[in-house]
Amino acid sequence: YRPLAYVDHMSDAYAAADLMLARSGAGTVVETAV
């Protein structure tokens, strides 16, 4: 388990992930769709 206040490059986090649990903010919806 690694808690982080933020990450500099969300693309890196997406690339490392198999599954994401998130609120449906507009930015999150767009990014995960892309």
PDB file of all heavy atoms in Angstrom:
ATOM      1  N   TYR A   1       0.847  -1.186   0.000  1.00  0.00           N
ATOM      2  CA  TYR A   1       0.000   0.000   0.000  1.00  0.00           C
ATOM      3  C   TYR A   1       0.885   1.240   0.000  1.00  0.00           C
ATOM      4  O   TYR A   1       1.768   1.396   0.835  1.00  0.00           O
ATOM      5  CB  TYR A   1      -0.905  -0.013   1.228  1.00  0.00           C
ATOM      6  CG  TYR A   1      -1.738   1.243   1.384  1.00  0.00           C
ATOM      7  CD1 TYR A   1      -2.972   1.346   0.773  1.00  0.00           C
ATOM      8  CD2 TYR A   1      -1.285   2.303   2.139  1.00  0.00           C
ATOM      9  CE1 TYR A   1      -3.738   2.487   0.917  1.00  0.00           C
ATOM     10  CE2 TYR A   1      -2.052   3.450   2.299  1.00  0.00           C
ATOM     11  CZ  TYR A   1      -3.273   3.548   1.674  1.00  0.00           C
ATOM     12  OH  TYR A   1      -4.023   4.673   1.814  1.00  0.00           O
ATOM     13  N   ARG A   2       0.632   2.175  -0.972  1.00  0.00           N
ATOM     14  CA  ARG A   2       1.399   3.420  -1.041  1.00  0.00           C
ATOM     15  C   ARG A   2       0.449   4.600  -1.165  1.00  0.00           C
ATOM     16  O   ARG A   2      -0.158   4.813  -2.218  1.00  0.00           O
ATOM     17  CB  ARG A   2       2.355   3.403  -2.234  1.00  0.00           C
ATOM     18  CG  ARG A   2       3.536   2.456  -2.108  1.00  0.00           C
ATOM     19  CD  ARG A   2       4.548   2.723  -3.187  1.00  0.00           C
ATOM     20  NE  ARG A   2       5.112   4.067  -3.067  1.00  0.00           N
ATOM     21  CZ  ARG A   2       5.834   4.653  -4.022  1.00  0.00           C
ATOM     22  NH1 ARG A   2       6.062   4.004  -5.160  1.00  0.00           N
ATOM     23  NH2 ARG A   2       6.301   5.879  -3.834  1.00  0.00           N
ATOM     24  N   PRO A   3       0.269   5.367  -0.088  1.00  0.00           N
ATOM     25  CA  PRO A   3      -0.544   6.576  -0.175  1.00  0.00           C
ATOM     26  C   PRO A   3       0.283   7.751  -0.690  1.00  0.00           C
ATOM     27  O   PRO A   3       1.431   7.953  -0.293  1.00  0.00           O
ATOM     28  CB  PRO A   3      -0.984   6.796   1.270  1.00  0.00           C
ATOM     29  CG  PRO A   3       0.128   6.191   2.083  1.00  0.00           C
ATOM     30  CD  PRO A   3       0.727   5.072   1.267  1.00  0.00           C
ATOM     31  N   LEU A   4      -0.274   8.514  -1.602  1.00  0.00           N
ATOM     32  CA  LEU A   4       0.413   9.658  -2.180  1.00  0.00           C
ATOM     33  C   LEU A   4      -0.532  10.850  -2.223  1.00  0.00           C
ATOM     34  O   LEU A   4      -1.702  10.724  -2.567  1.00  0.00           O
ATOM     35  CB  LEU A   4       0.902   9.351  -3.605  1.00  0.00           C
ATOM     36  CG  LEU A   4       1.923   8.222  -3.754  1.00  0.00           C
ATOM     37  CD1 LEU A   4       2.105   7.892  -5.227  1.00  0.00           C
ATOM     38  CD2 LEU A   4       3.253   8.618  -3.138  1.00  0.00           C
ATOM     39  N   ALA A   5      -0.010  12.019  -1.869  1.00  0.00           N
ATOM     40  CA  ALA A   5      -0.823  13.228  -1.966  1.00  0.00           C
ATOM     41  C   ALA A   5      -1.153  13.537  -3.418  1.00  0.00           C
ATOM     42  O   ALA A   5      -2.253  14.005  -3.728  1.00  0.00           O
ATOM     43  CB  ALA A   5      -0.111  14.399  -1.319  1.00  0.00           C
ATOM     44  N   TYR A   6      -0.215  13.291  -4.303  1.00  0.00           N
ATOM     45  CA  TYR A   6      -0.407  13.528  -5.729  1.00  0.00           C
ATOM     46  C   TYR A   6       0.678  12.774  -6.484  1.00  0.00           C
ATOM     47  O   TYR A   6       1.647  12.280  -5.890  1.00  0.00           O
ATOM     48  CB  TYR A   6      -0.343  15.023  -6.070  1.00  0.00           C
ATOM     49  CG  TYR A   6       1.005  15.649  -5.790  1.00  0.00           C
ATOM     50  CD1 TYR A   6       1.987  15.690  -6.776  1.00  0.00           C
ATOM     51  CD2 TYR A   6       1.310  16.156  -4.528  1.00  0.00           C
ATOM     52  CE1 TYR A   6       3.237  16.220  -6.521  1.00  0.00           C
ATOM     53  CE2 TYR A   6       2.557  16.692  -4.254  1.00  0.00           C
ATOM     54  CZ  TYR A   6       3.516  16.724  -5.267  1.00  0.00           C
ATOM     55  OH  TYR A   6       4.752  17.244  -5.004  1.00  0.00           O
ATOM     56  N   VAL A   7       0.524  12.676  -7.768  1.00  0.00           N
ATOM     57  CA  VAL A   7       1.589  12.175  -8.630  1.00  0.00           C
ATOM     58  C   VAL A   7       1.820  13.197  -9.728  1.00  0.00           C
ATOM     59  O   VAL A   7       0.897  13.906 -10.157  1.00  0.00           O
ATOM     60  CB  VAL A   7       1.253  10.797  -9.242  1.00  0.00           C
ATOM     61  CG1 VAL A   7       1.117   9.744  -8.183  1.00  0.00           C
ATOM     62  CG2 VAL A   7      -0.017  10.871 -10.075  1.00  0.00           C
ATOM     63  N   ASP A   8       3.073  13.294 -10.148  1.00  0.00           N
ATOM     64  CA  ASP A   8       3.412  14.283 -11.165  1.00  0.00           C
ATOM     65  C   ASP A   8       2.853  13.917 -12.536  1.00  0.00           C
ATOM     66  O   ASP A   8       2.460  14.786 -13.313  1.00  0.00           O
ATOM     67  CB  ASP A   8       4.936  14.442 -11.254  1.00  0.00           C
ATOM     68  CG  ASP A   8       5.527  15.090 -10.008  1.00  0.00           C
ATOM     69  OD1 ASP A   8       4.884  16.000  -9.460  1.00  0.00           O
ATOM     70  OD2 ASP A   8       6.634  14.680  -9.599  1.00  0.00           O
ATOM     71  N   HIS A   9       2.822  12.635 -12.836  1.00  0.00           N
ATOM     72  CA  HIS A   9       2.393  12.186 -14.152  1.00  0.00           C
ATOM     73  C   HIS A   9       1.346  11.071 -13.992  1.00  0.00           C
ATOM     74  O   HIS A   9       1.698   9.908 -13.760  1.00  0.00           O
ATOM     75  CB  HIS A   9       3.579  11.708 -14.974  1.00  0.00           C
ATOM     76  CG  HIS A   9       4.663  12.742 -15.155  1.00  0.00           C
ATOM     77  ND1 HIS A   9       4.518  13.815 -15.977  1.00  0.00           N
ATOM     78  CD2 HIS A   9       5.884  12.846 -14.585  1.00  0.00           C
ATOM     79  CE1 HIS A   9       5.620  14.570 -15.921  1.00  0.00           C
ATOM     80  NE2 HIS A   9       6.456  13.999 -15.083  1.00  0.00           N
ATOM     81  N   MET A  10       0.072  11.415 -14.110  1.00  0.00           N
ATOM     82  CA  MET A  10      -0.978  10.421 -13.960  1.00  0.00           C
ATOM     83  C   MET A  10      -0.871   9.313 -15.003  1.00  0.00           C
ATOM     84  O   MET A  10      -1.287   8.189 -14.779  1.00  0.00           O
ATOM     85  CB  MET A  10      -2.353  11.073 -14.052  1.00  0.00           C
ATOM     86  CG  MET A  10      -2.795  11.771 -12.781  1.00  0.00           C
ATOM     87  SD  MET A  10      -2.907  10.638 -11.367  1.00  0.00           S
ATOM     88  CE  MET A  10      -4.142   9.482 -11.940  1.00  0.00           C
ATOM     89  N   SER A  11      -0.288   9.613 -16.148  1.00  0.00           N
ATOM     90  CA  SER A  11      -0.139   8.591 -17.184  1.00  0.00           C
ATOM     91  C   SER A  11       0.682   7.417 -16.680  1.00  0.00           C
ATOM     92  O   SER A  11       0.433   6.266 -17.051  1.00  0.00           O
ATOM     93  CB  SER A  11       0.499   9.184 -18.441  1.00  0.00           C
ATOM     94  OG  SER A  11       1.777   9.748 -18.145  1.00  0.00           O
ATOM     95  N   ASP A  12       1.690   7.718 -15.829  1.00  0.00           N
ATOM     96  CA  ASP A  12       2.490   6.643 -15.261  1.00  0.00           C
ATOM     97  C   ASP A  12       1.650   5.761 -14.337  1.00  0.00           C
ATOM     98  O   ASP A  12       1.784   4.532 -14.332  1.00  0.00           O
ATOM     99  CB  ASP A  12       3.677   7.216 -14.489  1.00  0.00           C
ATOM    100  CG  ASP A  12       4.687   7.908 -15.395  1.00  0.00           C
ATOM    101  OD1 ASP A  12       4.687   7.629 -16.621  1.00  0.00           O
ATOM    102  OD2 ASP A  12       5.469   8.739 -14.885  1.00  0.00           O
ATOM    103  N   ALA A  13       0.792   6.393 -13.539  1.00  0.00           N
ATOM    104  CA  ALA A  13      -0.078   5.641 -12.642  1.00  0.00           C
ATOM    105  C   ALA A  13      -1.060   4.784 -13.431  1.00  0.00           C
ATOM    106  O   ALA A  13      -1.296   3.616 -13.113  1.00  0.00           O
ATOM    107  CB  ALA A  13      -0.828   6.588 -11.711  1.00  0.00           C
ATOM    108  N   TYR A  14      -1.628   5.348 -14.501  1.00  0.00           N
ATOM    109  CA  TYR A  14      -2.545   4.586 -15.343  1.00  0.00           C
ATOM    110  C   TYR A  14      -1.834   3.389 -15.979  1.00  0.00           C
ATOM    111  O   TYR A  14      -2.381   2.284 -16.046  1.00  0.00           O
ATOM    112  CB  TYR A  14      -3.138   5.467 -16.443  1.00  0.00           C
ATOM    113  CG  TYR A  14      -4.077   6.547 -15.958  1.00  0.00           C
ATOM    114  CD1 TYR A  14      -4.126   7.784 -16.605  1.00  0.00           C
ATOM    115  CD2 TYR A  14      -4.926   6.332 -14.893  1.00  0.00           C
ATOM    116  CE1 TYR A  14      -4.989   8.781 -16.184  1.00  0.00           C
ATOM    117  CE2 TYR A  14      -5.796   7.324 -14.456  1.00  0.00           C
ATOM    118  CZ  TYR A  14      -5.823   8.540 -15.103  1.00  0.00           C
ATOM    119  OH  TYR A  14      -6.681   9.529 -14.688  1.00  0.00           O
ATOM    120  N   ALA A  15      -0.636   3.606 -16.430  1.00  0.00           N
ATOM    121  CA  ALA A  15       0.105   2.538 -17.107  1.00  0.00           C
ATOM    122  C   ALA A  15       0.415   1.389 -16.159  1.00  0.00           C
ATOM    123  O   ALA A  15       0.473   0.228 -16.578  1.00  0.00           O
ATOM    124  CB  ALA A  15       1.393   3.092 -17.707  1.00  0.00           C
ATOM    125  N   ALA A  16       0.599   1.707 -14.865  1.00  0.00           N
ATOM    126  CA  ALA A  16       0.941   0.673 -13.893  1.00  0.00           C
ATOM    127  C   ALA A  16      -0.288  -0.053 -13.349  1.00  0.00           C
ATOM    128  O   ALA A  16      -0.159  -1.082 -12.702  1.00  0.00           O
ATOM    129  CB  ALA A  16       1.714   1.287 -12.728  1.00  0.00           C
ATOM    130  N   ALA A  17      -1.475   0.485 -13.610  1.00  0.00           N
ATOM    131  CA  ALA A  17      -2.687  -0.022 -12.980  1.00  0.00           C
ATOM    132  C   ALA A  17      -3.400  -1.062 -13.838  1.00  0.00           C
ATOM    133  O   ALA A  17      -3.390  -0.999 -15.070  1.00  0.00           O
ATOM    134  CB  ALA A  17      -3.650   1.126 -12.677  1.00  0.00           C
ATOM    135  N   ASP A  18      -4.027  -2.020 -13.166  1.00  0.00           N
ATOM    136  CA  ASP A  18      -4.936  -2.963 -13.807  1.00  0.00           C
ATOM    137  C   ASP A  18      -6.392  -2.542 -13.638  1.00  0.00           C
ATOM    138  O   ASP A  18      -7.245  -2.860 -14.455  1.00  0.00           O
ATOM    139  CB  ASP A  18      -4.754  -4.368 -13.222  1.00  0.00           C
ATOM    140  CG  ASP A  18      -3.382  -4.938 -13.484  1.00  0.00           C
ATOM    141  OD1 ASP A  18      -2.968  -4.935 -14.652  1.00  0.00           O
ATOM    142  OD2 ASP A  18      -2.715  -5.381 -12.529  1.00  0.00           O
ATOM    143  N   LEU A  19      -6.671  -1.835 -12.553  1.00  0.00           N
ATOM    144  CA  LEU A  19      -8.028  -1.437 -12.224  1.00  0.00           C
ATOM    145  C   LEU A  19      -7.967  -0.163 -11.397  1.00  0.00           C
ATOM    146  O   LEU A  19      -7.076   0.001 -10.557  1.00  0.00           O
ATOM    147  CB  LEU A  19      -8.737  -2.536 -11.432  1.00  0.00           C
ATOM    148  CG  LEU A  19     -10.153  -2.267 -10.918  1.00  0.00           C
ATOM    149  CD1 LEU A  19     -11.119  -2.208 -12.101  1.00  0.00           C
ATOM    150  CD2 LEU A  19     -10.575  -3.337  -9.923  1.00  0.00           C
ATOM    151  N   MET A  20      -8.918   0.747 -11.606  1.00  0.00           N
ATOM    152  CA  MET A  20      -8.955   1.973 -10.836  1.00  0.00           C
ATOM    153  C   MET A  20     -10.334   2.160 -10.213  1.00  0.00           C
ATOM    154  O   MET A  20     -11.361   1.887 -10.858  1.00  0.00           O
ATOM    155  CB  MET A  20      -8.619   3.191 -11.705  1.00  0.00           C
ATOM    156  CG  MET A  20      -8.538   4.495 -10.886  1.00  0.00           C
ATOM    157  SD  MET A  20      -7.787   5.863 -11.747  1.00  0.00           S
ATOM    158  CE  MET A  20      -9.094   6.278 -12.865  1.00  0.00           C
ATOM    159  N   LEU A  21     -10.361   2.610  -8.974  1.00  0.00           N
ATOM    160  CA  LEU A  21     -11.568   2.999  -8.275  1.00  0.00           C
ATOM    161  C   LEU A  21     -11.500   4.500  -8.068  1.00  0.00           C
ATOM    162  O   LEU A  21     -10.537   4.996  -7.470  1.00  0.00           O
ATOM    163  CB  LEU A  21     -11.678   2.267  -6.935  1.00  0.00           C
ATOM    164  CG  LEU A  21     -12.845   2.626  -6.027  1.00  0.00           C
ATOM    165  CD1 LEU A  21     -14.163   2.202  -6.651  1.00  0.00           C
ATOM    166  CD2 LEU A  21     -12.677   1.955  -4.658  1.00  0.00           C
ATOM    167  N   ALA A  22     -12.500   5.239  -8.571  1.00  0.00           N
ATOM    168  CA  ALA A  22     -12.400   6.694  -8.534  1.00  0.00           C
ATOM    169  C   ALA A  22     -13.772   7.339  -8.511  1.00  0.00           C
ATOM    170  O   ALA A  22     -14.775   6.727  -8.899  1.00  0.00           O
ATOM    171  CB  ALA A  22     -11.625   7.219  -9.746  1.00  0.00           C
ATOM    172  N   ARG A  23     -13.809   8.600  -8.016  1.00  0.00           N
ATOM    173  CA  ARG A  23     -15.019   9.389  -8.173  1.00  0.00           C
ATOM    174  C   ARG A  23     -15.153   9.784  -9.641  1.00  0.00           C
ATOM    175  O   ARG A  23     -14.156   9.822 -10.389  1.00  0.00           O
ATOM    176  CB  ARG A  23     -14.985  10.605  -7.264  1.00  0.00           C
ATOM    177  CG  ARG A  23     -13.865  11.588  -7.557  1.00  0.00           C
ATOM    178  CD  ARG A  23     -13.877  12.711  -6.536  1.00  0.00           C
ATOM    179  NE  ARG A  23     -12.821  13.690  -6.785  1.00  0.00           N
ATOM    180  CZ  ARG A  23     -12.975  14.748  -7.581  1.00  0.00           C
ATOM    181  NH1 ARG A  23     -14.113  14.946  -8.221  1.00  0.00           N
ATOM    182  NH2 ARG A  23     -11.974  15.603  -7.752  1.00  0.00           N
ATOM    183  N   SER A  24     -16.351  10.097 -10.069  1.00  0.00           N
ATOM    184  CA  SER A  24     -16.581  10.381 -11.486  1.00  0.00           C
ATOM    185  C   SER A  24     -16.511  11.876 -11.787  1.00  0.00           C
ATOM    186  O   SER A  24     -17.441  12.476 -12.343  1.00  0.00           O
ATOM    187  CB  SER A  24     -17.922   9.796 -11.941  1.00  0.00           C
ATOM    188  OG  SER A  24     -18.977  10.149 -11.104  1.00  0.00           O
ATOM    189  N   GLY A  25     -15.383  12.456 -11.391  1.00  0.00           N
ATOM    190  CA  GLY A  25     -15.111  13.808 -11.825  1.00  0.00           C
ATOM    191  C   GLY A  25     -14.906  13.844 -13.335  1.00  0.00           C
ATOM    192  O   GLY A  25     -14.505  12.844 -13.950  1.00  0.00           O
ATOM    193  N   ALA A  26     -15.169  14.986 -13.926  1.00  0.00           N
ATOM    194  CA  ALA A  26     -15.125  15.076 -15.386  1.00  0.00           C
ATOM    195  C   ALA A  26     -13.756  14.692 -15.933  1.00  0.00           C
ATOM    196  O   ALA A  26     -13.635  13.962 -16.928  1.00  0.00           O
ATOM    197  CB  ALA A  26     -15.500  16.489 -15.831  1.00  0.00           C
ATOM    198  N   GLY A  27     -12.686  15.189 -15.261  1.00  0.00           N
ATOM    199  CA  GLY A  27     -11.346  14.862 -15.719  1.00  0.00           C
ATOM    200  C   GLY A  27     -11.056  13.374 -15.652  1.00  0.00           C
ATOM    201  O   GLY A  27     -10.463  12.794 -16.575  1.00  0.00           O
ATOM    202  N   THR A  28     -11.478  12.723 -14.574  1.00  0.00           N
ATOM    203  CA  THR A  28     -11.248  11.289 -14.418  1.00  0.00           C
ATOM    204  C   THR A  28     -11.962  10.507 -15.510  1.00  0.00           C
ATOM    205  O   THR A  28     -11.400   9.585 -16.112  1.00  0.00           O
ATOM    206  CB  THR A  28     -11.736  10.816 -13.044  1.00  0.00           C
ATOM    207  OG1 THR A  28     -11.025  11.516 -12.031  1.00  0.00           O
ATOM    208  CG2 THR A  28     -11.508   9.322 -12.876  1.00  0.00           C
ATOM    209  N   VAL A  29     -13.221  10.852 -15.774  1.00  0.00           N
ATOM    210  CA  VAL A  29     -13.992  10.157 -16.801  1.00  0.00           C
ATOM    211  C   VAL A  29     -13.303  10.257 -18.158  1.00  0.00           C
ATOM    212  O   VAL A  29     -13.150   9.266 -18.879  1.00  0.00           O
ATOM    213  CB  VAL A  29     -15.431  10.712 -16.873  1.00  0.00           C
ATOM    214  CG1 VAL A  29     -16.166  10.139 -18.084  1.00  0.00           C
ATOM    215  CG2 VAL A  29     -16.193  10.393 -15.596  1.00  0.00           C
ATOM    216  N   VAL A  30     -12.853  11.453 -18.511  1.00  0.00           N
ATOM    217  CA  VAL A  30     -12.207  11.654 -19.803  1.00  0.00           C
ATOM    218  C   VAL A  30     -10.905  10.868 -19.896  1.00  0.00           C
ATOM    219  O   VAL A  30     -10.632  10.181 -20.888  1.00  0.00           O
ATOM    220  CB  VAL A  30     -11.961  13.153 -20.054  1.00  0.00           C
ATOM    221  CG1 VAL A  30     -11.101  13.352 -21.298  1.00  0.00           C
ATOM    222  CG2 VAL A  30     -13.280  13.891 -20.207  1.00  0.00           C
ATOM    223  N   GLU A  31     -10.076  10.979 -18.856  1.00  0.00           N
ATOM    224  CA  GLU A  31      -8.764  10.345 -18.894  1.00  0.00           C
ATOM    225  C   GLU A  31      -8.882   8.820 -18.984  1.00  0.00           C
ATOM    226  O   GLU A  31      -8.188   8.179 -19.779  1.00  0.00           O
ATOM    227  CB  GLU A  31      -7.955  10.745 -17.668  1.00  0.00           C
ATOM    228  CG  GLU A  31      -7.499  12.202 -17.703  1.00  0.00           C
ATOM    229  CD  GLU A  31      -6.771  12.603 -16.437  1.00  0.00           C
ATOM    230  OE1 GLU A  31      -6.412  11.712 -15.638  1.00  0.00           O
ATOM    231  OE2 GLU A  31      -6.545  13.812 -16.217  1.00  0.00           O
ATOM    232  N   THR A  32      -9.740   8.219 -18.144  1.00  0.00           N
ATOM    233  CA  THR A  32      -9.859   6.765 -18.172  1.00  0.00           C
ATOM    234  C   THR A  32     -10.476   6.278 -19.477  1.00  0.00           C
ATOM    235  O   THR A  32     -10.152   5.193 -19.963  1.00  0.00           O
ATOM    236  CB  THR A  32     -10.691   6.257 -16.981  1.00  0.00           C
ATOM    237  OG1 THR A  32     -11.967   6.915 -16.964  1.00  0.00           O
ATOM    238  CG2 THR A  32      -9.970   6.523 -15.675  1.00  0.00           C
ATOM    239  N   ALA A  33     -11.363   7.086 -20.061  1.00  0.00           N
ATOM    240  CA  ALA A  33     -11.936   6.719 -21.351  1.00  0.00           C
ATOM    241  C   ALA A  33     -10.870   6.702 -22.434  1.00  0.00           C
ATOM    242  O   ALA A  33     -10.857   5.835 -23.317  1.00  0.00           O
ATOM    243  CB  ALA A  33     -13.068   7.674 -21.719  1.00  0.00           C
ATOM    244  N   VAL A  34      -9.950   7.682 -22.361  1.00  0.00           N
ATOM    245  CA  VAL A  34      -8.887   7.774 -23.362  1.00  0.00           C
ATOM    246  C   VAL A  34      -7.906   6.617 -23.247  1.00  0.00           C
ATOM    247  O   VAL A  34      -7.535   5.988 -24.240  1.00  0.00           O
ATOM    248  CB  VAL A  34      -8.149   9.121 -23.245  1.00  0.00           C
ATOM    249  CG1 VAL A  34      -6.893   9.116 -24.112  1.00  0.00           C
ATOM    250  CG2 VAL A  34      -9.061  10.258 -23.655  1.00  0.00           C
TER     251      VAL A  34
END
